[in-house]
C-alpha atoms as a PDB file:
ATOM      1  CA  MET A   1     200.478 -32.304 380.957  1.00  0.00           C
ATOM      2  CA  VAL A   2     204.077 -32.936 381.944  1.00  0.00           C
ATOM      3  CA  GLU A   3     202.784 -34.078 385.289  1.00  0.00           C
ATOM      4  CA  TYR A   4     200.261 -36.452 384.261  1.00  0.00           C
ATOM      5  CA  ILE A   5     202.985 -38.290 382.191  1.00  0.00           C
ATOM      6  CA  ASP A   6     205.285 -38.191 384.928  1.00  0.00           C
ATOM      7  CA  LEU A   7     202.340 -39.970 387.105  1.00  0.00           C
ATOM      8  CA  VAL A   8     202.119 -42.504 384.377  1.00  0.00           C
ATOM      9  CA  MET A   9     205.653 -43.451 384.481  1.00  0.00           C
ATOM     10  CA  VAL A  10     206.096 -43.422 388.213  1.00  0.00           C
ATOM     11  CA  LEU A  11     202.746 -45.633 388.594  1.00  0.00           C
ATOM     12  CA  GLY A  12     204.146 -47.854 386.236  1.00  0.00           C
ATOM     13  CA  VAL A  13     207.429 -48.216 387.788  1.00  0.00           C
ATOM     14  CA  VAL A  14     205.803 -49.091 391.047  1.00  0.00           C
ATOM     15  CA  ILE A  15     203.283 -51.610 389.450  1.00  0.00           C
ATOM     16  CA  PHE A  16     206.029 -53.101 387.616  1.00  0.00           C
ATOM     17  CA  ALA A  17     208.248 -53.562 390.804  1.00  0.00           C
ATOM     18  CA  LEU A  18     205.548 -54.872 393.014  1.00  0.00           C
ATOM     19  CA  ALA A  19     204.767 -57.399 390.359  1.00  0.00           C
ATOM     20  CA  PHE A  20     207.908 -59.545 390.848  1.00  0.00           C
ATOM     21  CA  PRO A  21     207.234 -60.410 394.661  1.00  0.00           C
ATOM     22  CA  ALA A  22     203.753 -61.696 393.673  1.00  0.00           C
ATOM     23  CA  MET A  23     205.487 -63.829 390.879  1.00  0.00           C
ATOM     24  CA  VAL A  24     207.588 -65.228 393.333  1.00  0.00           C
ATOM     25  CA  GLY A  25     204.739 -65.949 395.913  1.00  0.00           C
ATOM     26  CA  ALA A  26     202.690 -67.518 393.178  1.00  0.00           C
ATOM     27  CA  PHE A  27     205.569 -69.833 392.219  1.00  0.00           C
ATOM     28  CA  SER A  28     206.641 -70.851 395.888  1.00  0.00           C
ATOM     29  CA  ARG A  29     202.773 -71.828 396.173  1.00  0.00           C
ATOM     30  CA  GLY A  30     202.751 -73.738 392.752  1.00  0.00           C
ATOM     31  CA  GLU A  31     200.245 -71.284 391.126  1.00  0.00           C
ATOM     32  CA  PRO A  32     200.622 -70.089 387.607  1.00  0.00           C
ATOM     33  CA  PRO A  33     201.548 -66.310 388.382  1.00  0.00           C
ATOM     34  CA  ARG A  34     198.518 -64.850 386.240  1.00  0.00           C
ATOM     35  CA  ALA A  35     198.025 -61.653 388.539  1.00  0.00           C
ATOM     36  CA  ALA A  36     201.800 -60.809 388.300  1.00  0.00           C
ATOM     37  CA  MET A  37     201.698 -61.468 384.690  1.00  0.00           C
ATOM     38  CA  LEU A  38     199.236 -59.027 384.232  1.00  0.00           C
ATOM     39  CA  ALA A  39     200.917 -56.699 386.467  1.00  0.00           C
ATOM     40  CA  ILE A  40     204.093 -56.811 384.671  1.00  0.00           C
ATOM     41  CA  PHE A  41     202.387 -56.136 381.166  1.00  0.00           C
ATOM     42  CA  ALA A  42     200.272 -53.244 382.638  1.00  0.00           C
ATOM     43  CA  GLY A  43     203.116 -51.696 384.435  1.00  0.00           C
ATOM     44  CA  GLY A  44     205.416 -51.840 381.399  1.00  0.00           C
ATOM     45  CA  VAL A  45     202.858 -50.609 379.030  1.00  0.00           C
ATOM     46  CA  MET A  46     202.484 -47.559 381.258  1.00  0.00           C
ATOM     47  CA  MET A  47     206.032 -46.995 381.323  1.00  0.00           C
ATOM     48  CA  LEU A  48     206.307 -47.405 377.466  1.00  0.00           C
ATOM     49  CA  TYR A  49     203.322 -45.122 377.179  1.00  0.00           C
ATOM     50  CA  ALA A  50     205.109 -42.271 379.349  1.00  0.00           C
ATOM     51  CA  ASN A  51     208.314 -42.730 378.021  1.00  0.00           C
ATOM     52  CA  SER A  52     207.220 -42.375 374.370  1.00  0.00           C
ATOM     53  CA  SER A  53     204.799 -39.557 375.198  1.00  0.00           C
ATOM     54  CA  ARG A  54     207.514 -37.201 376.838  1.00  0.00           C
ATOM     55  CA  PRO A  55     209.642 -35.322 374.264  1.00  0.00           C
ATOM     56  CA  GLY A  56     213.254 -37.071 374.741  1.00  0.00           C
ATOM     57  CA  GLY A  57     212.050 -39.867 376.898  1.00  0.00           C
ATOM     58  CA  TYR A  58     213.215 -40.479 380.340  1.00  0.00           C
ATOM     59  CA  SER A  59     216.987 -41.498 381.401  1.00  0.00           C
ATOM     60  CA  ALA A  60     217.537 -43.498 384.589  1.00  0.00           C
ATOM     61  CA  ALA A  61     219.409 -40.652 386.123  1.00  0.00           C
ATOM     62  CA  GLU A  62     216.340 -38.442 386.106  1.00  0.00           C
ATOM     63  CA  MET A  63     213.810 -40.849 387.739  1.00  0.00           C
ATOM     64  CA  PRO A  64     214.649 -39.805 391.535  1.00  0.00           C
ATOM     65  CA  GLN A  65     213.616 -36.441 390.537  1.00  0.00           C
ATOM     66  CA  VAL A  66     210.693 -37.621 388.715  1.00  0.00           C
ATOM     67  CA  PHE A  67     209.615 -39.680 391.781  1.00  0.00           C
ATOM     68  CA  ALA A  68     210.390 -36.845 393.989  1.00  0.00           C
ATOM     69  CA  ARG A  69     208.655 -34.503 391.490  1.00  0.00           C
ATOM     70  CA  VAL A  70     205.220 -36.597 391.631  1.00  0.00           C
ATOM     71  CA  ILE A  71     205.443 -37.618 395.494  1.00  0.00           C
ATOM     72  CA  SER A  72     205.708 -33.746 396.490  1.00  0.00           C
ATOM     73  CA  GLY A  73     202.993 -32.684 394.163  1.00  0.00           C
ATOM     74  CA  GLY A  74     205.027 -30.159 392.231  1.00  0.00           C
END
């Protein structure tokens, strides 16, 4: 179960981070950043869900280990 929660956290962080370039691109084209705002919302909800589902939550110091664990599959 912990691996599943770790995956949700990593995907949430990645989606959240990729939303910011999309937002800048939409603003530079003069369009409303609808897709970027949806991605920020989805990533934020995923991070909140993962943090509340794991006992003790996540700390910023352990995020590199969480990413490594998800990427390596272990």
